[in-house]
Amino acid sequence: MNSASRPTRRKFLQTTAAAAAPLLIPAASLGRGPRVAPSNRITLGMIGVGNMGGGHLETMLGHGEVQVVAISDVDAVKLRAACEKTETHYAAERSAGTFKGCTGYNEFERLLARSDIDAVIIAVPDHWHATIAIAAARAGKDIYCEKPLALTIREAREMVSAARRHARVFQTGSQQRSSPEFRKACELVQSGRLGKLQSIHVNIGPPSRDKYFEAQPVREGLDWDRWLGPAPWAEYNAERCSGDYSAGWRRVRDYSGGMTTDWGAHHFDIGQWALGMDASGPVEITPPPQRDEWGLTYKYKNGVTMHRHEKFEDHAVNGIYFVGADGRIEVNRGYFKSWPDEIGSEPLGATDVHLFASPGHHQNWLDCIRSRRRPIADVEIGCRTITACHLGNIACWTQRTIRWDPVKEQILGDETAARWLDRPKRDGWRL
């Protein structure tokens, strides 16, 4: 194979880029630092050690029940630094003060071929997720894959099928599910504390789009052909493959769905959790009147609507804003507020909805690897969330109202829009 005021768009990009830092807490700070016997450790391979992957590596090095034994990245500089960091960390735990036991690979296939690896963390650009995750499932590895789950709706469904066929534990990296403030909001909504839920309002950014880049010499150490992988061939440009949230590959349609999928995989995910739609989705998606406007509306079978915009009525939306007949809740990372206050301050009763309290997103995944249970953001949940995100993008890109059957997973009566359910891939990288 080949390798306090209405936020402006600029302010939004600045604040979301800062907030996008992963919720990664060193295991030692949670009392999980001590090493367990080698025979009981989960052996782990890291695939992608850039922005998010570097954070995952830091977290995994702090987990005493894990041993990172292999790393893959198409950037030789990042790969070398990650391997050195891993070996330095483990050397500090040994009386000899040395350790050699983390192997680096340019090709993820070589890492997956190792029979001594139990599980992998995949943190690469979106257009690579499905190819690597499906190969990992076929290789018998348990999987933690960054969000958004896939570049297309059809890819996401193929990832579910592969995980189920090969009986893999698959955690989607929508880590807000493991944060107590989001769980609390969803418990209160599902318990009826807002009365009849009317609408959900989400503040995320726009879709990706096609973008022209001038050709530049490929920087030393980067396997550019393999970075592109299944994406269409394009000349190298530093911005094209940059991990910058305000530019870079997340804004380019060949590699990502933009902020609609990047932040939508967090905030739309919580909206669907509160709706109890983890195995379903919207039935109608309406784009904004003008292509570059923020408005986007999802309608669910129960009549509830979910909207993407910066402001509802006179309220600047901070994260996710639930509106019910008897009250409102707003939630974001490290933030929870209800109107009236009693909605959030009164404890849940025995007959109220109590959702699973995750011990942490990575820890939940590791626990499930041992128990063989499904994690809090199982691949099916990731599939349904990214489906909603992509349907929003399809509506915006085509400027058409989309009717969706969440049971058959089909766009109804619109062959033009349905072409966006999947994308062609370069030869050698087809699923």
Foldseek 3Di string as FASTA:
>chain_A
DKAVDQDDPVRVLVVVLVVVQDPADAVVVVVQQAADDPVQAAEEEEEDCPRVNVSVLNNQLRHNRYQDQEYEALFQVSQVVSQVVRQQSVLVVDPVSGDDGYYYDPDVLVVLQDPRHAAYEYDAFQACQLLNLLSNLVSNHAYEYEPLRHLFLVSLVVSVVSCVVSLHAYFYNLFVLQPVQLLLVLLLLQQCLQPAWAEKEFEWDAWAEADDDDADPDDPRGSVRNSCAFFDDDHDDCQQCDPRLVGYVLRHSSGHGHRLGVVLLHQVLSVCSSVVQLQFAFFKKAADPDLRAQWIWTAHPVGYIYIYDQDDPHRGADGMWIHGPRWIWHDDVVDIQIVVRCSSPPDDDPPTDRDDNHPGRVVQSVVCSVVSDHGSRGSSSSSRSSLNSVQRSLCSVVVDMWGAGGVVGATPPDVVSRVRNDDGTDPPRDD
